C-alpha atoms as a PDB file:
ATOM      1  CA  MET A   1     -65.480 113.174  43.813  1.00  0.00           C
ATOM      2  CA  SER A   2     -65.778 109.511  44.976  1.00  0.00           C
ATOM      3  CA  CYS A   3     -65.475 106.083  43.524  1.00  0.00           C
ATOM      4  CA  GLY A   4     -68.312 104.189  45.202  1.00  0.00           C
ATOM      5  CA  ALA A   5     -67.801 104.551  48.922  1.00  0.00           C
ATOM      6  CA  VAL A   6     -64.211 105.791  48.585  1.00  0.00           C
ATOM      7  CA  ASP A   7     -63.310 109.245  48.622  1.00  0.00           C
ATOM      8  CA  VAL A   8     -60.533 109.755  45.823  1.00  0.00           C
ATOM      9  CA  VAL A   9     -59.983 113.415  46.353  1.00  0.00           C
ATOM     10  CA  PRO A  10     -57.194 113.011  48.871  1.00  0.00           C
ATOM     11  CA  ALA A  11     -55.399 110.481  46.733  1.00  0.00           C
ATOM     12  CA  VAL A  12     -55.580 112.740  43.625  1.00  0.00           C
ATOM     13  CA  ALA A  13     -54.159 115.750  45.681  1.00  0.00           C
ATOM     14  CA  LEU A  14     -51.380 113.350  46.718  1.00  0.00           C
ATOM     15  CA  PHE A  15     -50.472 112.265  43.184  1.00  0.00           C
ATOM     16  CA  ARG A  16     -50.771 115.837  41.975  1.00  0.00           C
ATOM     17  CA  SER A  17     -48.332 116.961  44.656  1.00  0.00           C
ATOM     18  CA  LEU A  18     -45.840 114.424  43.341  1.00  0.00           C
ATOM     19  CA  ALA A  19     -46.686 115.044  39.535  1.00  0.00           C
ATOM     20  CA  ASP A  20     -44.089 117.869  39.203  1.00  0.00           C
ATOM     21  CA  PRO A  21     -40.694 116.568  38.289  1.00  0.00           C
ATOM     22  CA  ALA A  22     -38.868 118.955  40.606  1.00  0.00           C
ATOM     23  CA  ARG A  23     -41.146 118.056  43.514  1.00  0.00           C
ATOM     24  CA  LEU A  24     -40.567 114.302  42.831  1.00  0.00           C
ATOM     25  CA  ALA A  25     -36.864 114.881  42.750  1.00  0.00           C
ATOM     26  CA  ILE A  26     -36.976 116.790  46.078  1.00  0.00           C
ATOM     27  CA  VAL A  27     -38.918 113.821  47.551  1.00  0.00           C
ATOM     28  CA  LEU A  28     -36.546 111.357  46.193  1.00  0.00           C
ATOM     29  CA  ARG A  29     -33.600 113.368  47.599  1.00  0.00           C
ATOM     30  CA  LEU A  30     -35.217 113.786  51.052  1.00  0.00           C
ATOM     31  CA  ALA A  31     -35.599 110.065  51.076  1.00  0.00           C
ATOM     32  CA  GLU A  32     -31.849 109.959  51.513  1.00  0.00           C
ATOM     33  CA  GLY A  33     -31.861 112.514  54.478  1.00  0.00           C
ATOM     34  CA  GLU A  34     -32.352 116.061  55.298  1.00  0.00           C
ATOM     35  CA  ALA A  35     -31.368 118.781  52.944  1.00  0.00           C
ATOM     36  CA  ARG A  36     -31.202 122.601  52.902  1.00  0.00           C
ATOM     37  CA  VAL A  37     -32.832 124.679  50.161  1.00  0.00           C
ATOM     38  CA  VAL A  38     -29.236 125.504  48.915  1.00  0.00           C
ATOM     39  CA  ASP A  39     -28.575 121.812  48.593  1.00  0.00           C
ATOM     40  CA  LEU A  40     -31.723 121.175  46.533  1.00  0.00           C
ATOM     41  CA  THR A  41     -31.131 124.378  44.345  1.00  0.00           C
ATOM     42  CA  ARG A  42     -27.824 123.055  43.399  1.00  0.00           C
ATOM     43  CA  MET A  43     -29.196 119.470  42.708  1.00  0.00           C
ATOM     44  CA  LEU A  44     -32.078 120.838  40.612  1.00  0.00           C
ATOM     45  CA  GLY A  45     -30.361 123.697  38.980  1.00  0.00           C
ATOM     46  CA  LEU A  46     -33.475 125.891  39.841  1.00  0.00           C
ATOM     47  CA  ALA A  47     -33.876 129.227  41.427  1.00  0.00           C
ATOM     48  CA  GLN A  48     -34.000 129.395  45.228  1.00  0.00           C
ATOM     49  CA  SER A  49     -37.499 130.823  44.994  1.00  0.00           C
ATOM     50  CA  THR A  50     -38.559 127.952  42.895  1.00  0.00           C
ATOM     51  CA  VAL A  51     -37.263 125.346  45.198  1.00  0.00           C
ATOM     52  CA  SER A  52     -38.870 127.120  48.146  1.00  0.00           C
ATOM     53  CA  GLN A  53     -42.268 127.078  46.292  1.00  0.00           C
ATOM     54  CA  HIS A  54     -42.020 123.520  45.729  1.00  0.00           C
ATOM     55  CA  LEU A  55     -41.119 122.764  49.344  1.00  0.00           C
ATOM     56  CA  ALA A  56     -44.023 124.895  50.515  1.00  0.00           C
ATOM     57  CA  CYS A  57     -46.408 122.892  48.313  1.00  0.00           C
ATOM     58  CA  LEU A  58     -44.889 119.641  49.725  1.00  0.00           C
ATOM     59  CA  ARG A  59     -45.177 121.178  53.240  1.00  0.00           C
ATOM     60  CA  ASP A  60     -48.801 122.147  52.618  1.00  0.00           C
ATOM     61  CA  CYS A  61     -49.488 118.407  51.932  1.00  0.00           C
ATOM     62  CA  ARG A  62     -47.674 117.544  55.014  1.00  0.00           C
ATOM     63  CA  LEU A  63     -45.088 115.475  53.183  1.00  0.00           C
ATOM     64  CA  VAL A  64     -42.084 117.417  54.230  1.00  0.00           C
ATOM     65  CA  ASP A  65     -41.332 119.571  57.239  1.00  0.00           C
ATOM     66  CA  SER A  66     -38.280 121.610  58.265  1.00  0.00           C
ATOM     67  CA  ARG A  67     -36.211 122.232  61.486  1.00  0.00           C
ATOM     68  CA  THR A  68     -34.030 125.280  62.046  1.00  0.00           C
ATOM     69  CA  GLU A  69     -30.540 125.146  63.184  1.00  0.00           C
ATOM     70  CA  GLY A  70     -28.866 128.413  63.479  1.00  0.00           C
ATOM     71  CA  ARG A  71     -29.663 130.311  60.393  1.00  0.00           C
ATOM     72  CA  GLN A  72     -30.226 127.076  58.291  1.00  0.00           C
ATOM     73  CA  SER A  73     -33.451 125.126  57.623  1.00  0.00           C
ATOM     74  CA  TYR A  74     -33.195 121.636  57.114  1.00  0.00           C
ATOM     75  CA  TYR A  75     -36.007 119.786  55.174  1.00  0.00           C
ATOM     76  CA  ALA A  76     -36.974 116.089  55.726  1.00  0.00           C
ATOM     77  CA  LEU A  77     -39.813 113.792  54.841  1.00  0.00           C
ATOM     78  CA  THR A  78     -42.554 113.576  57.431  1.00  0.00           C
ATOM     79  CA  ARG A  79     -44.018 110.195  56.109  1.00  0.00           C
ATOM     80  CA  PRO A  80     -41.584 107.499  55.337  1.00  0.00           C
ATOM     81  CA  GLU A  81     -44.469 105.477  53.900  1.00  0.00           C
ATOM     82  CA  LEU A  82     -44.258 107.822  50.850  1.00  0.00           C
ATOM     83  CA  ILE A  83     -41.079 105.996  49.902  1.00  0.00           C
ATOM     84  CA  ASP A  84     -43.038 102.690  49.850  1.00  0.00           C
ATOM     85  CA  VAL A  85     -45.709 104.355  47.555  1.00  0.00           C
ATOM     86  CA  LEU A  86     -42.676 105.317  45.265  1.00  0.00           C
ATOM     87  CA  ARG A  87     -41.133 101.970  45.280  1.00  0.00           C
ATOM     88  CA  SER A  88     -44.602 100.337  44.455  1.00  0.00           C
ATOM     89  CA  ALA A  89     -44.815 102.831  41.520  1.00  0.00           C
ATOM     90  CA  GLU A  90     -41.342 101.738  40.271  1.00  0.00           C
ATOM     91  CA  VAL A  91     -42.581  98.159  40.235  1.00  0.00           C
ATOM     92  CA  LEU A  92     -45.782  99.098  38.453  1.00  0.00           C
ATOM     93  CA  LEU A  93     -43.717 101.137  35.850  1.00  0.00           C
ATOM     94  CA  ALA A  94     -41.435  98.183  35.324  1.00  0.00           C
ATOM     95  CA  GLU A  95     -44.327  95.932  34.636  1.00  0.00           C
ATOM     96  CA  THR A  96     -46.216  98.403  32.315  1.00  0.00           C
ATOM     97  CA  GLY A  97     -43.184  99.169  30.325  1.00  0.00           C
ATOM     98  CA  ALA A  98     -43.504 102.214  28.035  1.00  0.00           C
ATOM     99  CA  ALA A  99     -47.087 102.255  28.206  1.00  0.00           C
ATOM    100  CA  VAL A 100     -47.504 104.978  30.800  1.00  0.00           C
ATOM    101  CA  ALA A 101     -44.721 107.104  29.207  1.00  0.00           C
ATOM    102  CA  LEU A 102     -46.567 106.798  25.994  1.00  0.00           C
ATOM    103  CA  CYS A 103     -49.925 107.621  27.473  1.00  0.00           C
ATOM    104  CA  PRO A 104     -51.520 110.303  25.129  1.00  0.00           C
ATOM    105  CA  ALA A 105     -52.929 112.265  28.028  1.00  0.00           C
ATOM    106  CA  TYR A 106     -50.061 112.128  30.609  1.00  0.00           C
ATOM    107  CA  GLY A 107     -47.112 110.679  28.955  1.00  0.00           C
ATOM    108  CA  ALA A 108     -44.136 112.487  27.405  1.00  0.00           C
ATOM    109  CA  PRO A 109     -44.823 114.120  24.043  1.00  0.00           C
ATOM    110  CA  ALA A 110     -43.874 112.105  21.046  1.00  0.00           C
ATOM    111  CA  PRO A 111     -40.489 113.533  19.469  1.00  0.00           C
ATOM    112  CA  VAL A 112     -41.288 115.657  16.439  1.00  0.00           C
ATOM    113  CA  GLU A 113     -39.612 114.206  13.400  1.00  0.00           C
ATOM    114  CA  GLN A 114     -37.373 116.806  11.360  1.00  0.00           C
ATOM    115  CA  ALA A 115     -38.256 116.980   7.635  1.00  0.00           C
ATOM    116  CA  SER A 116     -35.225 116.151   5.334  1.00  0.00           C
END
């Protein structure tokens, strides 16, 4: 798929890789420095296997990598530019207000009102 002469497939893949709340939380945590799976598991409250799957996805996208020290693997961001993208997104979200959150296709579902 392309938009004119620009191939949008890589950008779509990048944003899909960040679209999961757990993966985005992992990226934000790794922006602060390296972390082990156990650290991320505690932070997210998710099973170790789930965190490992999210890290594998981010690693496949070459957004994170790991280094081994003894029996521990430490994960880190490979591209610090990713933080610039996220900061730009924060600015955009601040400017659009609730519009993105209320988007019928991608926003949070509207709360269901309880009948009295």
